[in-house]
Amino acid sequence: VAQTMKKLNLPGAIDRKALDKKVEAGFERLSVLQHDDGGWGWWENDDTDSFMTAYVAWGLQEASAAGYAGGSSMLNKAAATLRRQFDRPSPKMKADVRAWQLHALVRTGKASKKDLDAVWEQRPELTSLGWAVMGLASQSLKDERTQQIGLQLDVLAK
């Protein structure tokens, strides 16, 4: 929030010390919940979940981009786990989860157009959410399909 307010040059009463304290507490909690394989589940003692791992990896990358280095070790492990999960998807994995993984891989600097191709092949199964995160990934990868994805989102919105 503070980063966005600063970018938009908006006045605000963000208490930076309080925010830093909350971010550090978040890092501590995520560290406790991170599984030995580098991923996260929905609960402390359940199996690693592909969506949750992608979501936390994305969040850790956002924190890193905002200048918080406290999650870098977790992020490195998470990015490696995310890469493994993406390369060997479960047969039951939903296309939207795969698109979310792609988006997180792009944000962590671990994705290629080949990865986008894999999600693109699943486009008939994507919901509007899947199309949206695939679009964000496509735009970041500077892929020529970005406009086509945007047009499909427009169709889905009607």
Protein backbone atom coordinates (compact mmCIF):
# COMPACT_ATOMS: atom_id res chain seq x y z
CA VAL A 1 0.00 0.00 0.00
CA ALA A 2 2.75 2.42 0.97
CA GLN A 3 4.59 1.68 -2.28
CA THR A 4 1.49 2.39 -4.39
CA MET A 5 0.69 5.57 -2.50
CA LYS A 6 4.24 6.76 -3.07
CA LYS A 7 4.10 5.90 -6.80
CA LEU A 8 0.83 7.78 -7.19
CA ASN A 9 2.11 10.70 -5.13
CA LEU A 10 -0.85 10.41 -2.74
CA PRO A 11 -0.81 11.82 0.75
CA GLY A 12 -1.22 9.26 3.45
CA ALA A 13 -0.62 8.49 7.03
CA ILE A 14 1.29 5.24 6.64
CA ASP A 15 3.28 4.56 9.78
CA ARG A 16 6.41 3.07 8.23
CA LYS A 17 7.66 1.58 11.52
CA ALA A 18 4.33 -0.14 12.14
CA LEU A 19 4.26 -1.41 8.56
CA ASP A 20 7.82 -2.73 8.83
CA LYS A 21 6.88 -4.52 12.06
CA LYS A 22 3.87 -6.15 10.39
CA VAL A 23 5.89 -7.24 7.37
CA GLU A 24 8.55 -8.79 9.61
CA ALA A 25 5.85 -10.59 11.62
CA GLY A 26 4.45 -11.88 8.33
CA PHE A 27 7.86 -13.18 7.30
CA GLU A 28 8.21 -14.97 10.65
CA ARG A 29 4.80 -16.60 10.28
CA LEU A 30 5.46 -17.67 6.68
CA SER A 31 8.79 -19.12 7.74
CA VAL A 32 7.06 -21.32 10.33
CA LEU A 33 4.49 -22.45 7.77
CA GLN A 34 6.93 -23.16 4.92
CA HIS A 35 7.24 -26.90 4.30
CA ASP A 36 10.53 -28.74 3.95
CA ASP A 37 10.05 -28.94 0.17
CA GLY A 38 9.95 -25.11 -0.02
CA GLY A 39 6.21 -24.78 -0.57
CA TRP A 40 3.15 -23.97 1.53
CA GLY A 41 -0.16 -25.63 2.17
CA TRP A 42 -3.40 -24.20 3.46
CA TRP A 43 -2.47 -25.36 6.97
CA GLU A 44 0.74 -25.95 8.87
CA ASN A 45 0.74 -29.75 8.61
CA ASP A 46 -0.97 -30.46 5.30
CA ASP A 47 0.47 -31.23 1.88
CA THR A 48 2.14 -28.55 -0.18
CA ASP A 49 -0.43 -26.87 -2.39
CA SER A 50 0.44 -25.53 -5.86
CA PHE A 51 -1.83 -22.51 -5.64
CA MET A 52 -0.75 -21.54 -2.13
CA THR A 53 2.93 -21.90 -3.02
CA ALA A 54 2.50 -19.68 -6.07
CA TYR A 55 0.52 -17.15 -4.04
CA VAL A 56 3.13 -16.92 -1.27
CA ALA A 57 6.02 -16.79 -3.78
CA TRP A 58 4.25 -13.91 -5.55
CA GLY A 59 3.72 -12.11 -2.23
CA LEU A 60 7.34 -12.58 -1.17
CA GLN A 61 8.47 -11.16 -4.52
CA GLU A 62 6.18 -8.17 -4.05
CA ALA A 63 7.69 -7.61 -0.59
CA SER A 64 11.18 -7.87 -2.05
CA ALA A 65 10.29 -5.33 -4.76
CA ALA A 66 9.07 -3.01 -2.00
CA GLY A 67 12.49 -3.20 -0.34
CA TYR A 68 11.92 -5.91 2.24
CA ALA A 69 14.77 -8.43 2.18
CA GLY A 70 13.58 -10.56 5.11
CA GLY A 71 11.89 -13.13 2.90
CA SER A 72 14.69 -13.72 0.40
CA SER A 73 15.66 -17.18 1.66
CA MET A 74 12.03 -18.32 1.67
CA LEU A 75 11.53 -16.82 -1.79
CA ASN A 76 14.50 -18.71 -3.23
CA LYS A 77 13.18 -22.01 -1.89
CA ALA A 78 9.65 -21.17 -2.99
CA ALA A 79 10.74 -20.25 -6.52
CA ALA A 80 12.56 -23.58 -6.88
CA THR A 81 9.49 -25.46 -5.62
CA LEU A 82 7.22 -23.49 -7.90
CA ARG A 83 9.46 -24.30 -10.86
CA ARG A 84 9.34 -28.03 -10.02
CA GLN A 85 5.56 -27.94 -9.60
CA PHE A 86 5.09 -26.14 -12.89
CA ASP A 87 7.38 -28.53 -14.77
CA ARG A 88 5.63 -31.59 -13.35
CA PRO A 89 1.97 -30.62 -12.87
CA SER A 90 -0.46 -32.90 -11.13
CA PRO A 91 -2.96 -34.46 -13.56
CA LYS A 92 -5.70 -32.91 -11.40
CA MET A 93 -4.26 -29.38 -11.54
CA LYS A 94 -6.75 -26.81 -12.75
CA ALA A 95 -5.74 -24.59 -15.65
CA ASP A 96 -6.28 -21.46 -13.54
CA VAL A 97 -3.78 -22.69 -10.94
CA ARG A 98 -1.27 -23.31 -13.70
CA ALA A 99 -1.84 -19.75 -14.97
CA TRP A 100 -1.33 -18.41 -11.45
CA GLN A 101 1.91 -20.42 -11.19
CA LEU A 102 3.05 -18.88 -14.47
CA HIS A 103 2.34 -15.39 -13.17
CA ALA A 104 4.30 -16.09 -9.98
CA LEU A 105 7.18 -17.58 -11.99
CA VAL A 106 7.29 -14.45 -14.14
CA ARG A 107 7.35 -12.22 -11.05
CA THR A 108 10.22 -14.26 -9.57
CA GLY A 109 12.16 -14.11 -12.84
CA LYS A 110 11.91 -17.86 -13.43
CA ALA A 111 9.57 -18.04 -16.44
CA SER A 112 10.03 -18.21 -20.18
CA LYS A 113 7.77 -18.05 -23.23
CA LYS A 114 7.87 -21.86 -23.23
CA ASP A 115 6.04 -21.73 -19.90
CA LEU A 116 3.48 -19.34 -21.38
CA ASP A 117 3.03 -21.79 -24.27
CA ALA A 118 2.13 -24.52 -21.76
CA VAL A 119 -0.61 -22.40 -20.21
CA TRP A 120 -1.74 -21.13 -23.62
CA GLU A 121 -2.46 -24.73 -24.62
CA GLN A 122 -4.90 -24.95 -21.71
CA ARG A 123 -6.76 -21.75 -22.61
CA PRO A 124 -10.09 -23.49 -23.34
CA GLU A 125 -10.16 -24.51 -19.66
CA LEU A 126 -9.31 -21.07 -18.23
CA THR A 127 -11.81 -18.88 -16.40
CA SER A 128 -11.56 -15.10 -16.60
CA LEU A 129 -9.14 -15.19 -13.64
CA GLY A 130 -6.86 -17.60 -15.48
CA TRP A 131 -6.98 -15.46 -18.61
CA ALA A 132 -6.16 -12.36 -16.54
CA VAL A 133 -3.09 -13.79 -14.83
CA MET A 134 -1.95 -15.34 -18.11
CA GLY A 135 -2.31 -11.87 -19.62
CA LEU A 136 -0.16 -10.32 -16.90
CA ALA A 137 2.48 -12.97 -17.51
CA SER A 138 2.27 -12.49 -21.28
CA GLN A 139 2.67 -8.74 -20.94
CA SER A 140 5.70 -9.14 -18.66
CA LEU A 141 7.26 -11.60 -21.11
CA LYS A 142 6.52 -9.15 -23.96
CA ASP A 143 4.70 -11.89 -25.84
CA GLU A 144 2.76 -11.13 -29.01
CA ARG A 145 -0.35 -12.90 -27.64
CA THR A 146 -0.95 -10.20 -25.01
CA GLN A 147 -3.40 -8.29 -27.18
CA GLN A 148 -5.30 -11.46 -28.06
CA ILE A 149 -5.55 -12.29 -24.35
CA GLY A 150 -6.91 -8.80 -23.67
CA LEU A 151 -9.53 -9.22 -26.37
CA GLN A 152 -10.61 -12.55 -24.88
CA LEU A 153 -10.93 -10.92 -21.46
CA ASP A 154 -13.14 -8.27 -23.03
CA VAL A 155 -15.39 -11.01 -24.47
CA LEU A 156 -15.52 -12.79 -21.11
CA ALA A 157 -16.48 -9.56 -19.34
CA LYS A 158 -19.62 -9.11 -21.45
